Amino acid sequence: MEYWSLQIEKLLSSLETSKKGLGGKEAEKRLGEYGYNTIKKEETRSALKIFLSQFKNPLIYILVFATIIAAFVGDKTEAVIILAIVFLNSVLGFFQEYRSEKALEKLRKYIKFKAKVF
């Protein structure tokens, strides 16, 4: 619903409230129905999950398939080089993503949400 475009009377009636706000009983009822107005914390991913997520890429699948073909054809040098590149790419991606997750956790500690309600 586009609350910002409604007239004040329609907005208040759609939210079942008044200009004075909710009464104590109605506030308790809604608190029981909807719960506290809190921001849910996202589950932090473990290092293993971050590393494994590096392999969820279609390009990686293509390179692994190319490695299998190179090994099947008998060109073991190319197969090893492709695997090394895939592994190096995954390790670098892991470190970048892991550091950014840790930086995000630190930033979340500084964020405070406050609201005045009457």
PDB file of N, CA and C in Angstrom:
ATOM      1  N   MET A   1       0.844  -1.181   0.000  1.00  0.00           N
ATOM      2  CA  MET A   1       0.000   0.000   0.000  1.00  0.00           C
ATOM      3  C   MET A   1       0.887   1.242   0.000  1.00  0.00           C
ATOM      4  N   GLU A   2       0.517   2.210  -0.760  1.00  0.00           N
ATOM      5  CA  GLU A   2       1.287   3.447  -0.856  1.00  0.00           C
ATOM      6  C   GLU A   2       0.783   4.441   0.185  1.00  0.00           C
ATOM      7  N   TYR A   3       1.271   4.308   1.405  1.00  0.00           N
ATOM      8  CA  TYR A   3       0.808   5.116   2.522  1.00  0.00           C
ATOM      9  C   TYR A   3       1.058   6.602   2.322  1.00  0.00           C
ATOM     10  N   TRP A   4       2.129   6.944   1.655  1.00  0.00           N
ATOM     11  CA  TRP A   4       2.478   8.353   1.487  1.00  0.00           C
ATOM     12  C   TRP A   4       1.501   9.095   0.578  1.00  0.00           C
ATOM     13  N   SER A   5       0.731   8.374  -0.228  1.00  0.00           N
ATOM     14  CA  SER A   5      -0.183   9.035  -1.156  1.00  0.00           C
ATOM     15  C   SER A   5      -1.606   9.146  -0.615  1.00  0.00           C
ATOM     16  N   LEU A   6      -1.885   8.562   0.550  1.00  0.00           N
ATOM     17  CA  LEU A   6      -3.229   8.582   1.113  1.00  0.00           C
ATOM     18  C   LEU A   6      -3.506   9.869   1.888  1.00  0.00           C
ATOM     19  N   GLN A   7      -4.760  10.221   1.945  1.00  0.00           N
ATOM     20  CA  GLN A   7      -5.181  11.308   2.810  1.00  0.00           C
ATOM     21  C   GLN A   7      -5.028  10.831   4.255  1.00  0.00           C
ATOM     22  N   ILE A   8      -4.818  11.763   5.171  1.00  0.00           N
ATOM     23  CA  ILE A   8      -4.550  11.411   6.569  1.00  0.00           C
ATOM     24  C   ILE A   8      -5.687  10.566   7.145  1.00  0.00           C
ATOM     25  N   GLU A   9      -6.937  10.921   6.878  1.00  0.00           N
ATOM     26  CA  GLU A   9      -8.068  10.183   7.429  1.00  0.00           C
ATOM     27  C   GLU A   9      -8.088   8.744   6.917  1.00  0.00           C
ATOM     28  N   LYS A  10      -7.836   8.571   5.609  1.00  0.00           N
ATOM     29  CA  LYS A  10      -7.818   7.217   5.032  1.00  0.00           C
ATOM     30  C   LYS A  10      -6.651   6.408   5.586  1.00  0.00           C
ATOM     31  N   LEU A  11      -5.527   7.065   5.761  1.00  0.00           N
ATOM     32  CA  LEU A  11      -4.353   6.389   6.298  1.00  0.00           C
ATOM     33  C   LEU A  11      -4.620   5.895   7.712  1.00  0.00           C
ATOM     34  N   LEU A  12      -5.156   6.765   8.541  1.00  0.00           N
ATOM     35  CA  LEU A  12      -5.438   6.386   9.924  1.00  0.00           C
ATOM     36  C   LEU A  12      -6.469   5.273   9.995  1.00  0.00           C
ATOM     37  N   SER A  13      -7.488   5.322   9.152  1.00  0.00           N
ATOM     38  CA  SER A  13      -8.500   4.268   9.190  1.00  0.00           C
ATOM     39  C   SER A  13      -7.945   2.943   8.665  1.00  0.00           C
ATOM     40  N   SER A  14      -7.075   2.991   7.666  1.00  0.00           N
ATOM     41  CA  SER A  14      -6.505   1.746   7.142  1.00  0.00           C
ATOM     42  C   SER A  14      -5.568   1.097   8.157  1.00  0.00           C
ATOM     43  N   LEU A  15      -4.929   1.905   8.989  1.00  0.00           N
ATOM     44  CA  LEU A  15      -4.043   1.377  10.028  1.00  0.00           C
ATOM     45  C   LEU A  15      -4.780   1.156  11.356  1.00  0.00           C
ATOM     46  N   GLU A  16      -6.072   1.477  11.347  1.00  0.00           N
ATOM     47  CA  GLU A  16      -6.915   1.319  12.529  1.00  0.00           C
ATOM     48  C   GLU A  16      -6.321   2.028  13.743  1.00  0.00           C
ATOM     49  N   THR A  17      -6.048   3.307  13.562  1.00  0.00           N
ATOM     50  CA  THR A  17      -5.492   4.123  14.631  1.00  0.00           C
ATOM     51  C   THR A  17      -6.084   5.528  14.551  1.00  0.00           C
ATOM     52  N   SER A  18      -5.612   6.430  15.376  1.00  0.00           N
ATOM     53  CA  SER A  18      -6.076   7.816  15.361  1.00  0.00           C
ATOM     54  C   SER A  18      -4.868   8.740  15.454  1.00  0.00           C
ATOM     55  N   LYS A  19      -5.116  10.037  15.417  1.00  0.00           N
ATOM     56  CA  LYS A  19      -4.026  10.995  15.527  1.00  0.00           C
ATOM     57  C   LYS A  19      -3.352  10.933  16.892  1.00  0.00           C
ATOM     58  N   LYS A  20      -4.064  10.423  17.876  1.00  0.00           N
ATOM     59  CA  LYS A  20      -3.506  10.292  19.224  1.00  0.00           C
ATOM     60  C   LYS A  20      -2.678   9.023  19.390  1.00  0.00           C
ATOM     61  N   GLY A  21      -2.724   8.122  18.418  1.00  0.00           N
ATOM     62  CA  GLY A  21      -1.959   6.884  18.495  1.00  0.00           C
ATOM     63  C   GLY A  21      -2.804   5.733  19.001  1.00  0.00           C
ATOM     64  N   LEU A  22      -2.170   4.641  19.323  1.00  0.00           N
ATOM     65  CA  LEU A  22      -2.858   3.448  19.807  1.00  0.00           C
ATOM     66  C   LEU A  22      -3.070   3.534  21.304  1.00  0.00           C
ATOM     67  N   GLY A  23      -4.142   2.910  21.755  1.00  0.00           N
ATOM     68  CA  GLY A  23      -4.350   2.784  23.193  1.00  0.00           C
ATOM     69  C   GLY A  23      -3.457   1.683  23.743  1.00  0.00           C
ATOM     70  N   GLY A  24      -3.347   1.602  25.049  1.00  0.00           N
ATOM     71  CA  GLY A  24      -2.473   0.604  25.674  1.00  0.00           C
ATOM     72  C   GLY A  24      -2.851  -0.814  25.332  1.00  0.00           C
ATOM     73  N   LYS A  25      -4.157  -1.122  25.376  1.00  0.00           N
ATOM     74  CA  LYS A  25      -4.607  -2.493  25.069  1.00  0.00           C
ATOM     75  C   LYS A  25      -4.352  -2.842  23.610  1.00  0.00           C
ATOM     76  N   GLU A  26      -4.637  -1.895  22.721  1.00  0.00           N
ATOM     77  CA  GLU A  26      -4.414  -2.140  21.294  1.00  0.00           C
ATOM     78  C   GLU A  26      -2.923  -2.304  21.004  1.00  0.00           C
ATOM     79  N   ALA A  27      -2.087  -1.512  21.666  1.00  0.00           N
ATOM     80  CA  ALA A  27      -0.637  -1.634  21.475  1.00  0.00           C
ATOM     81  C   ALA A  27      -0.159  -3.005  21.941  1.00  0.00           C
ATOM     82  N   GLU A  28      -0.653  -3.476  23.081  1.00  0.00           N
ATOM     83  CA  GLU A  28      -0.264  -4.809  23.570  1.00  0.00           C
ATOM     84  C   GLU A  28      -0.745  -5.895  22.630  1.00  0.00           C
ATOM     85  N   LYS A  29      -1.976  -5.730  22.112  1.00  0.00           N
ATOM     86  CA  LYS A  29      -2.521  -6.721  21.179  1.00  0.00           C
ATOM     87  C   LYS A  29      -1.649  -6.809  19.926  1.00  0.00           C
ATOM     88  N   ARG A  30      -1.291  -5.654  19.377  1.00  0.00           N
ATOM     89  CA  ARG A  30      -0.466  -5.647  18.160  1.00  0.00           C
ATOM     90  C   ARG A  30       0.952  -6.148  18.438  1.00  0.00           C
ATOM     91  N   LEU A  31       1.452  -5.857  19.618  1.00  0.00           N
ATOM     92  CA  LEU A  31       2.773  -6.368  19.984  1.00  0.00           C
ATOM     93  C   LEU A  31       2.745  -7.886  20.027  1.00  0.00           C
ATOM     94  N   GLY A  32       1.674  -8.445  20.582  1.00  0.00           N
ATOM     95  CA  GLY A  32       1.532  -9.900  20.604  1.00  0.00           C
ATOM     96  C   GLY A  32       1.350 -10.481  19.220  1.00  0.00           C
ATOM     97  N   GLU A  33       0.662  -9.741  18.350  1.00  0.00           N
ATOM     98  CA  GLU A  33       0.384 -10.227  16.998  1.00  0.00           C
ATOM     99  C   GLU A  33       1.589 -10.106  16.073  1.00  0.00           C
ATOM    100  N   TYR A  34       2.256  -8.944  16.113  1.00  0.00           N
ATOM    101  CA  TYR A  34       3.337  -8.678  15.165  1.00  0.00           C
ATOM    102  C   TYR A  34       4.728  -8.806  15.771  1.00  0.00           C
ATOM    103  N   GLY A  35       4.841  -8.793  17.086  1.00  0.00           N
ATOM    104  CA  GLY A  35       6.142  -8.886  17.734  1.00  0.00           C
ATOM    105  C   GLY A  35       6.816  -7.526  17.820  1.00  0.00           C
ATOM    106  N   TYR A  36       8.010  -7.547  18.354  1.00  0.00           N
ATOM    107  CA  TYR A  36       8.769  -6.306  18.526  1.00  0.00           C
ATOM    108  C   TYR A  36       9.271  -5.803  17.185  1.00  0.00           C
ATOM    109  N   ASN A  37       9.435  -4.519  17.084  1.00  0.00           N
ATOM    110  CA  ASN A  37       9.915  -3.881  15.863  1.00  0.00           C
ATOM    111  C   ASN A  37      11.445  -3.893  15.872  1.00  0.00           C
ATOM    112  N   THR A  38      12.000  -5.045  15.581  1.00  0.00           N
ATOM    113  CA  THR A  38      13.448  -5.197  15.598  1.00  0.00           C
ATOM    114  C   THR A  38      13.939  -5.629  14.226  1.00  0.00           C
ATOM    115  N   ILE A  39      15.167  -5.330  13.979  1.00  0.00           N
ATOM    116  CA  ILE A  39      15.804  -5.749  12.736  1.00  0.00           C
ATOM    117  C   ILE A  39      16.462  -7.093  13.000  1.00  0.00           C
ATOM    118  N   LYS A  40      16.115  -8.059  12.175  1.00  0.00           N
ATOM    119  CA  LYS A  40      16.660  -9.403  12.356  1.00  0.00           C
ATOM    120  C   LYS A  40      18.122  -9.427  11.935  1.00  0.00           C
ATOM    121  N   LYS A  41      18.928 -10.086  12.755  1.00  0.00           N
ATOM    122  CA  LYS A  41      20.336 -10.226  12.396  1.00  0.00           C
ATOM    123  C   LYS A  41      20.484 -11.345  11.376  1.00  0.00           C
ATOM    124  N   GLU A  42      21.274 -11.051  10.376  1.00  0.00           N
ATOM    125  CA  GLU A  42      21.537 -12.067   9.370  1.00  0.00           C
ATOM    126  C   GLU A  42      22.533 -13.069   9.914  1.00  0.00           C
ATOM    127  N   GLU A  43      22.332 -14.294   9.529  1.00  0.00           N
ATOM    128  CA  GLU A  43      23.235 -15.345   9.970  1.00  0.00           C
ATOM    129  C   GLU A  43      24.589 -15.153   9.276  1.00  0.00           C
ATOM    130  N   THR A  44      25.660 -15.133  10.077  1.00  0.00           N
ATOM    131  CA  THR A  44      26.979 -14.990   9.472  1.00  0.00           C
ATOM    132  C   THR A  44      27.418 -16.330   8.905  1.00  0.00           C
ATOM    133  N   ARG A  45      28.067 -16.265   7.785  1.00  0.00           N
ATOM    134  CA  ARG A  45      28.501 -17.496   7.128  1.00  0.00           C
ATOM    135  C   ARG A  45      29.864 -17.908   7.656  1.00  0.00           C
ATOM    136  N   SER A  46      30.038 -19.199   7.777  1.00  0.00           N
ATOM    137  CA  SER A  46      31.327 -19.709   8.237  1.00  0.00           C
ATOM    138  C   SER A  46      32.352 -19.591   7.107  1.00  0.00           C
ATOM    139  N   ALA A  47      33.616 -19.724   7.476  1.00  0.00           N
ATOM    140  CA  ALA A  47      34.686 -19.627   6.482  1.00  0.00           C
ATOM    141  C   ALA A  47      34.545 -20.723   5.426  1.00  0.00           C
ATOM    142  N   LEU A  48      34.128 -21.906   5.861  1.00  0.00           N
ATOM    143  CA  LEU A  48      33.960 -23.010   4.910  1.00  0.00           C
ATOM    144  C   LEU A  48      32.863 -22.705   3.896  1.00  0.00           C
ATOM    145  N   LYS A  49      31.747 -22.147   4.361  1.00  0.00           N
ATOM    146  CA  LYS A  49      30.662 -21.801   3.443  1.00  0.00           C
ATOM    147  C   LYS A  49      31.100 -20.729   2.458  1.00  0.00           C
ATOM    148  N   ILE A  50      31.871 -19.773   2.939  1.00  0.00           N
ATOM    149  CA  ILE A  50      32.367 -18.719   2.049  1.00  0.00           C
ATOM    150  C   ILE A  50      33.284 -19.324   0.989  1.00  0.00           C
ATOM    151  N   PHE A  51      34.168 -20.227   1.411  1.00  0.00           N
ATOM    152  CA  PHE A  51      35.089 -20.849   0.455  1.00  0.00           C
ATOM    153  C   PHE A  51      34.326 -21.689  -0.573  1.00  0.00           C
ATOM    154  N   LEU A  52      33.363 -22.480  -0.111  1.00  0.00           N
ATOM    155  CA  LEU A  52      32.611 -23.324  -1.039  1.00  0.00           C
ATOM    156  C   LEU A  52      31.750 -22.499  -1.998  1.00  0.00           C
ATOM    157  N   SER A  53      31.329 -21.323  -1.554  1.00  0.00           N
ATOM    158  CA  SER A  53      30.521 -20.470  -2.436  1.00  0.00           C
ATOM    159  C   SER A  53      31.333 -19.952  -3.628  1.00  0.00           C
ATOM    160  N   GLN A  54      32.641 -19.992  -3.509  1.00  0.00           N
ATOM    161  CA  GLN A  54      33.490 -19.554  -4.618  1.00  0.00           C
ATOM    162  C   GLN A  54      33.360 -20.481  -5.829  1.00  0.00           C
ATOM    163  N   PHE A  55      32.901 -21.697  -5.593  1.00  0.00           N
ATOM    164  CA  PHE A  55      32.777 -22.672  -6.680  1.00  0.00           C
ATOM    165  C   PHE A  55      31.386 -22.688  -7.303  1.00  0.00           C
ATOM    166  N   LYS A  56      30.503 -21.798  -6.859  1.00  0.00           N
ATOM    167  CA  LYS A  56      29.151 -21.712  -7.413  1.00  0.00           C
ATOM    168  C   LYS A  56      29.130 -20.686  -8.534  1.00  0.00           C
ATOM    169  N   ASN A  57      29.861 -20.966  -9.565  1.00  0.00           N
ATOM    170  CA  ASN A  57      29.996 -20.036 -10.665  1.00  0.00           C
ATOM    171  C   ASN A  57      30.042 -20.838 -11.966  1.00  0.00           C
ATOM    172  N   PRO A  58      29.236 -20.494 -12.944  1.00  0.00           N
ATOM    173  CA  PRO A  58      29.239 -21.248 -14.202  1.00  0.00           C
ATOM    174  C   PRO A  58      30.613 -21.286 -14.882  1.00  0.00           C
ATOM    175  N   LEU A  59      31.383 -20.222 -14.747  1.00  0.00           N
ATOM    176  CA  LEU A  59      32.709 -20.203 -15.354  1.00  0.00           C
ATOM    177  C   LEU A  59      33.614 -21.258 -14.709  1.00  0.00           C
ATOM    178  N   ILE A  60      33.483 -21.445 -13.409  1.00  0.00           N
ATOM    179  CA  ILE A  60      34.261 -22.470 -12.716  1.00  0.00           C
ATOM    180  C   ILE A  60      33.883 -23.853 -13.239  1.00  0.00           C
ATOM    181  N   TYR A  61      32.569 -24.076 -13.447  1.00  0.00           N
ATOM    182  CA  TYR A  61      32.122 -25.372 -13.991  1.00  0.00           C
ATOM    183  C   TYR A  61      32.734 -25.625 -15.364  1.00  0.00           C
ATOM    184  N   ILE A  62      32.779 -24.576 -16.180  1.00  0.00           N
ATOM    185  CA  ILE A  62      33.361 -24.713 -17.524  1.00  0.00           C
ATOM    186  C   ILE A  62      34.851 -25.050 -17.417  1.00  0.00           C
ATOM    187  N   LEU A  63      35.559 -24.382 -16.511  1.00  0.00           N
ATOM    188  CA  LEU A  63      36.994 -24.646 -16.364  1.00  0.00           C
ATOM    189  C   LEU A  63      37.258 -26.051 -15.819  1.00  0.00           C
ATOM    190  N   VAL A  64      36.423 -26.505 -14.899  1.00  0.00           N
ATOM    191  CA  VAL A  64      36.581 -27.875 -14.383  1.00  0.00           C
ATOM    192  C   VAL A  64      36.305 -28.881 -15.502  1.00  0.00           C
ATOM    193  N   PHE A  65      35.297 -28.607 -16.315  1.00  0.00           N
ATOM    194  CA  PHE A  65      35.007 -29.469 -17.454  1.00  0.00           C
ATOM    195  C   PHE A  65      36.179 -29.477 -18.435  1.00  0.00           C
ATOM    196  N   ALA A  66      36.785 -28.310 -18.657  1.00  0.00           N
ATOM    197  CA  ALA A  66      37.961 -28.223 -19.539  1.00  0.00           C
ATOM    198  C   ALA A  66      39.126 -29.010 -18.947  1.00  0.00           C
ATOM    199  N   THR A  67      39.248 -28.995 -17.624  1.00  0.00           N
ATOM    200  CA  THR A  67      40.298 -29.768 -16.965  1.00  0.00           C
ATOM    201  C   THR A  67      40.097 -31.258 -17.205  1.00  0.00           C
ATOM    202  N   ILE A  68      38.853 -31.703 -17.092  1.00  0.00           N
ATOM    203  CA  ILE A  68      38.554 -33.121 -17.307  1.00  0.00           C
ATOM    204  C   ILE A  68      38.861 -33.516 -18.745  1.00  0.00           C
ATOM    205  N   ILE A  69      38.485 -32.658 -19.674  1.00  0.00           N
ATOM    206  CA  ILE A  69      38.762 -32.949 -21.089  1.00  0.00           C
ATOM    207  C   ILE A  69      40.268 -32.978 -21.337  1.00  0.00           C
ATOM    208  N   ALA A  70      40.995 -32.004 -20.786  1.00  0.00           N
ATOM    209  CA  ALA A  70      42.449 -31.963 -20.983  1.00  0.00           C
ATOM    210  C   ALA A  70      43.102 -33.210 -20.390  1.00  0.00           C
ATOM    211  N   ALA A  71      42.629 -33.647 -19.240  1.00  0.00           N
ATOM    212  CA  ALA A  71      43.193 -34.853 -18.631  1.00  0.00           C
ATOM    213  C   ALA A  71      42.842 -36.085 -19.454  1.00  0.00           C
ATOM    214  N   PHE A  72      41.627 -36.121 -19.988  1.00  0.00           N
ATOM    215  CA  PHE A  72      41.195 -37.259 -20.794  1.00  0.00           C
ATOM    216  C   PHE A  72      41.980 -37.357 -22.098  1.00  0.00           C
ATOM    217  N   VAL A  73      42.267 -36.214 -22.683  1.00  0.00           N
ATOM    218  CA  VAL A  73      43.029 -36.178 -23.931  1.00  0.00           C
ATOM    219  C   VAL A  73      44.497 -36.541 -23.677  1.00  0.00           C
ATOM    220  N   GLY A  74      44.944 -36.336 -22.464  1.00  0.00           N
ATOM    221  CA  GLY A  74      46.310 -36.693 -22.119  1.00  0.00           C
ATOM    222  C   GLY A  74      47.215 -35.502 -21.882  1.00  0.00           C
ATOM    223  N   ASP A  75      46.670 -34.316 -21.926  1.00  0.00           N
ATOM    224  CA  ASP A  75      47.461 -33.114 -21.696  1.00  0.00           C
ATOM    225  C   ASP A  75      47.393 -32.754 -20.213  1.00  0.00           C
ATOM    226  N   LYS A  76      48.197 -33.448 -19.430  1.00  0.00           N
ATOM    227  CA  LYS A  76      48.149 -33.282 -17.977  1.00  0.00           C
ATOM    228  C   LYS A  76      48.676 -31.919 -17.529  1.00  0.00           C
ATOM    229  N   THR A  77      49.597 -31.340 -18.277  1.00  0.00           N
ATOM    230  CA  THR A  77      50.138 -30.025 -17.919  1.00  0.00           C
ATOM    231  C   THR A  77      49.036 -28.971 -17.958  1.00  0.00           C
ATOM    232  N   GLU A  78      48.249 -28.970 -19.027  1.00  0.00           N
ATOM    233  CA  GLU A  78      47.143 -28.013 -19.118  1.00  0.00           C
ATOM    234  C   GLU A  78      46.113 -28.245 -18.022  1.00  0.00           C
ATOM    235  N   ALA A  79      45.831 -29.513 -17.719  1.00  0.00           N
ATOM    236  CA  ALA A  79      44.853 -29.836 -16.673  1.00  0.00           C
ATOM    237  C   ALA A  79      45.312 -29.294 -15.322  1.00  0.00           C
ATOM    238  N   VAL A  80      46.592 -29.453 -15.032  1.00  0.00           N
ATOM    239  CA  VAL A  80      47.129 -28.966 -13.760  1.00  0.00           C
ATOM    240  C   VAL A  80      47.104 -27.434 -13.726  1.00  0.00           C
ATOM    241  N   ILE A  81      47.442 -26.794 -14.839  1.00  0.00           N
ATOM    242  CA  ILE A  81      47.453 -25.335 -14.899  1.00  0.00           C
ATOM    243  C   ILE A  81      46.024 -24.784 -14.693  1.00  0.00           C
ATOM    244  N   ILE A  82      45.050 -25.392 -15.365  1.00  0.00           N
ATOM    245  CA  ILE A  82      43.666 -24.937 -15.213  1.00  0.00           C
ATOM    246  C   ILE A  82      43.204 -25.126 -13.776  1.00  0.00           C
ATOM    247  N   LEU A  83      43.507 -26.278 -13.181  1.00  0.00           N
ATOM    248  CA  LEU A  83      43.121 -26.515 -11.787  1.00  0.00           C
ATOM    249  C   LEU A  83      43.797 -25.526 -10.847  1.00  0.00           C
ATOM    250  N   ALA A  84      45.037 -25.201 -11.104  1.00  0.00           N
ATOM    251  CA  ALA A  84      45.754 -24.237 -10.271  1.00  0.00           C
ATOM    252  C   ALA A  84      45.105 -22.854 -10.378  1.00  0.00           C
ATOM    253  N   ILE A  85      44.715 -22.476 -11.566  1.00  0.00           N
ATOM    254  CA  ILE A  85      44.061 -21.184 -11.755  1.00  0.00           C
ATOM    255  C   ILE A  85      42.713 -21.156 -11.036  1.00  0.00           C
ATOM    256  N   VAL A  86      41.945 -22.226 -11.157  1.00  0.00           N
ATOM    257  CA  VAL A  86      40.645 -22.300 -10.468  1.00  0.00           C
ATOM    258  C   VAL A  86      40.847 -22.205  -8.964  1.00  0.00           C
ATOM    259  N   PHE A  87      41.831 -22.934  -8.443  1.00  0.00           N
ATOM    260  CA  PHE A  87      42.084 -22.923  -6.996  1.00  0.00           C
ATOM    261  C   PHE A  87      42.564 -21.547  -6.540  1.00  0.00           C
ATOM    262  N   LEU A  88      43.483 -20.950  -7.270  1.00  0.00           N
ATOM    263  CA  LEU A  88      43.989 -19.622  -6.924  1.00  0.00           C
ATOM    264  C   LEU A  88      42.868 -18.577  -6.955  1.00  0.00           C
ATOM    265  N   ASN A  89      42.031 -18.648  -7.967  1.00  0.00           N
ATOM    266  CA  ASN A  89      40.890 -17.740  -8.064  1.00  0.00           C
ATOM    267  C   ASN A  89      39.955 -17.911  -6.868  1.00  0.00           C
ATOM    268  N   SER A  90      39.718 -19.144  -6.469  1.00  0.00           N
ATOM    269  CA  SER A  90      38.834 -19.415  -5.338  1.00  0.00           C
ATOM    270  C   SER A  90      39.439 -18.929  -4.033  1.00  0.00           C
ATOM    271  N   VAL A  91      40.727 -19.106  -3.852  1.00  0.00           N
ATOM    272  CA  VAL A  91      41.392 -18.651  -2.631  1.00  0.00           C
ATOM    273  C   VAL A  91      41.362 -17.129  -2.545  1.00  0.00           C
ATOM    274  N   LEU A  92      41.662 -16.455  -3.653  1.00  0.00           N
ATOM    275  CA  LEU A  92      41.628 -14.988  -3.652  1.00  0.00           C
ATOM    276  C   LEU A  92      40.216 -14.463  -3.404  1.00  0.00           C
ATOM    277  N   GLY A  93      39.235 -15.070  -4.049  1.00  0.00           N
ATOM    278  CA  GLY A  93      37.844 -14.676  -3.836  1.00  0.00           C
ATOM    279  C   GLY A  93      37.412 -14.904  -2.405  1.00  0.00           C
ATOM    280  N   PHE A  94      37.875 -16.028  -1.820  1.00  0.00           N
ATOM    281  CA  PHE A  94      37.545 -16.330  -0.428  1.00  0.00           C
ATOM    282  C   PHE A  94      38.091 -15.246   0.500  1.00  0.00           C
ATOM    283  N   PHE A  95      39.350 -14.883   0.348  1.00  0.00           N
ATOM    284  CA  PHE A  95      39.944 -13.884   1.236  1.00  0.00           C
ATOM    285  C   PHE A  95      39.254 -12.523   1.104  1.00  0.00           C
ATOM    286  N   GLN A  96      38.913 -12.145  -0.109  1.00  0.00           N
ATOM    287  CA  GLN A  96      38.214 -10.877  -0.301  1.00  0.00           C
ATOM    288  C   GLN A  96      36.849 -10.895   0.378  1.00  0.00           C
ATOM    289  N   GLU A  97      36.098 -11.963   0.155  1.00  0.00           N
ATOM    290  CA  GLU A  97      34.759 -12.042   0.724  1.00  0.00           C
ATOM    291  C   GLU A  97      34.803 -12.192   2.245  1.00  0.00           C
ATOM    292  N   TYR A  98      35.768 -12.948   2.748  1.00  0.00           N
ATOM    293  CA  TYR A  98      35.894 -13.147   4.196  1.00  0.00           C
ATOM    294  C   TYR A  98      36.220 -11.824   4.891  1.00  0.00           C
ATOM    295  N   ARG A  99      37.155 -11.071   4.324  1.00  0.00           N
ATOM    296  CA  ARG A  99      37.505  -9.775   4.916  1.00  0.00           C
ATOM    297  C   ARG A  99      36.342  -8.794   4.844  1.00  0.00           C
ATOM    298  N   SER A 100      35.595  -8.822   3.762  1.00  0.00           N
ATOM    299  CA  SER A 100      34.453  -7.901   3.665  1.00  0.00           C
ATOM    300  C   SER A 100      33.363  -8.280   4.659  1.00  0.00           C
ATOM    301  N   GLU A 101      33.154  -9.576   4.916  1.00  0.00           N
ATOM    302  CA  GLU A 101      32.178 -10.005   5.925  1.00  0.00           C
ATOM    303  C   GLU A 101      32.599  -9.523   7.312  1.00  0.00           C
ATOM    304  N   LYS A 102      33.882  -9.635   7.623  1.00  0.00           N
ATOM    305  CA  LYS A 102      34.378  -9.186   8.926  1.00  0.00           C
ATOM    306  C   LYS A 102      34.260  -7.674   9.063  1.00  0.00           C
ATOM    307  N   ALA A 103      34.527  -6.947   8.003  1.00  0.00           N
ATOM    308  CA  ALA A 103      34.396  -5.488   8.036  1.00  0.00           C
ATOM    309  C   ALA A 103      32.933  -5.095   8.222  1.00  0.00           C
ATOM    310  N   LEU A 104      32.036  -5.818   7.586  1.00  0.00           N
ATOM    311  CA  LEU A 104      30.612  -5.551   7.732  1.00  0.00           C
ATOM    312  C   LEU A 104      30.146  -5.803   9.158  1.00  0.00           C
ATOM    313  N   GLU A 105      30.641  -6.856   9.787  1.00  0.00           N
ATOM    314  CA  GLU A 105      30.310  -7.135  11.186  1.00  0.00           C
ATOM    315  C   GLU A 105      30.767  -5.993  12.094  1.00  0.00           C
ATOM    316  N   LYS A 106      31.961  -5.475  11.852  1.00  0.00           N
ATOM    317  CA  LYS A 106      32.466  -4.365  12.659  1.00  0.00           C
ATOM    318  C   LYS A 106      31.615  -3.112  12.460  1.00  0.00           C
ATOM    319  N   LEU A 107      31.207  -2.864  11.226  1.00  0.00           N
ATOM    320  CA  LEU A 107      30.377  -1.691  10.952  1.00  0.00           C
ATOM    321  C   LEU A 107      29.015  -1.801  11.625  1.00  0.00           C
ATOM    322  N   ARG A 108      28.455  -3.004  11.677  1.00  0.00           N
ATOM    323  CA  ARG A 108      27.144  -3.191  12.306  1.00  0.00           C
ATOM    324  C   ARG A 108      27.172  -2.853  13.791  1.00  0.00           C
ATOM    325  N   LYS A 109      28.323  -2.973  14.438  1.00  0.00           N
ATOM    326  CA  LYS A 109      28.423  -2.652  15.863  1.00  0.00           C
ATOM    327  C   LYS A 109      28.214  -1.159  16.107  1.00  0.00           C
ATOM    328  N   TYR A 110      28.520  -0.337  15.108  1.00  0.00           N
ATOM    329  CA  TYR A 110      28.412   1.103  15.260  1.00  0.00           C
ATOM    330  C   TYR A 110      27.018   1.644  14.929  1.00  0.00           C
ATOM    331  N   ILE A 111      26.196   0.850  14.316  1.00  0.00           N
ATOM    332  CA  ILE A 111      24.873   1.306  13.894  1.00  0.00           C
ATOM    333  C   ILE A 111      23.905   1.171  15.069  1.00  0.00           C
ATOM    334  N   LYS A 112      23.247   2.237  15.386  1.00  0.00           N
ATOM    335  CA  LYS A 112      22.250   2.259  16.452  1.00  0.00           C
ATOM    336  C   LYS A 112      20.935   2.762  15.855  1.00  0.00           C
ATOM    337  N   PHE A 113      19.877   2.065  16.162  1.00  0.00           N
ATOM    338  CA  PHE A 113      18.559   2.466  15.693  1.00  0.00           C
ATOM    339  C   PHE A 113      17.761   2.950  16.890  1.00  0.00           C
ATOM    340  N   LYS A 114      17.237   4.157  16.773  1.00  0.00           N
ATOM    341  CA  LYS A 114      16.410   4.722  17.828  1.00  0.00           C
ATOM    342  C   LYS A 114      15.171   5.329  17.200  1.00  0.00           C
ATOM    343  N   ALA A 115      14.078   5.227  17.922  1.00  0.00           N
ATOM    344  CA  ALA A 115      12.835   5.840  17.458  1.00  0.00           C
ATOM    345  C   ALA A 115      12.039   6.313  18.652  1.00  0.00           C
ATOM    346  N   LYS A 116      11.396   7.439  18.491  1.00  0.00           N
ATOM    347  CA  LYS A 116      10.508   7.934  19.527  1.00  0.00           C
ATOM    348  C   LYS A 116       9.092   7.588  19.129  1.00  0.00           C
ATOM    349  N   VAL A 117       8.387   6.974  20.010  1.00  0.00           N
ATOM    350  CA  VAL A 117       7.009   6.561  19.735  1.00  0.00           C
ATOM    351  C   VAL A 117       6.120   7.142  20.805  1.00  0.00           C
ATOM    352  N   PHE A 118       5.013   7.715  20.391  1.00  0.00           N
ATOM    353  CA  PHE A 118       4.059   8.181  21.388  1.00  0.00           C
ATOM    354  C   PHE A 118       2.678   7.717  21.046  1.00  0.00           C
TER     355      PHE A 118
END
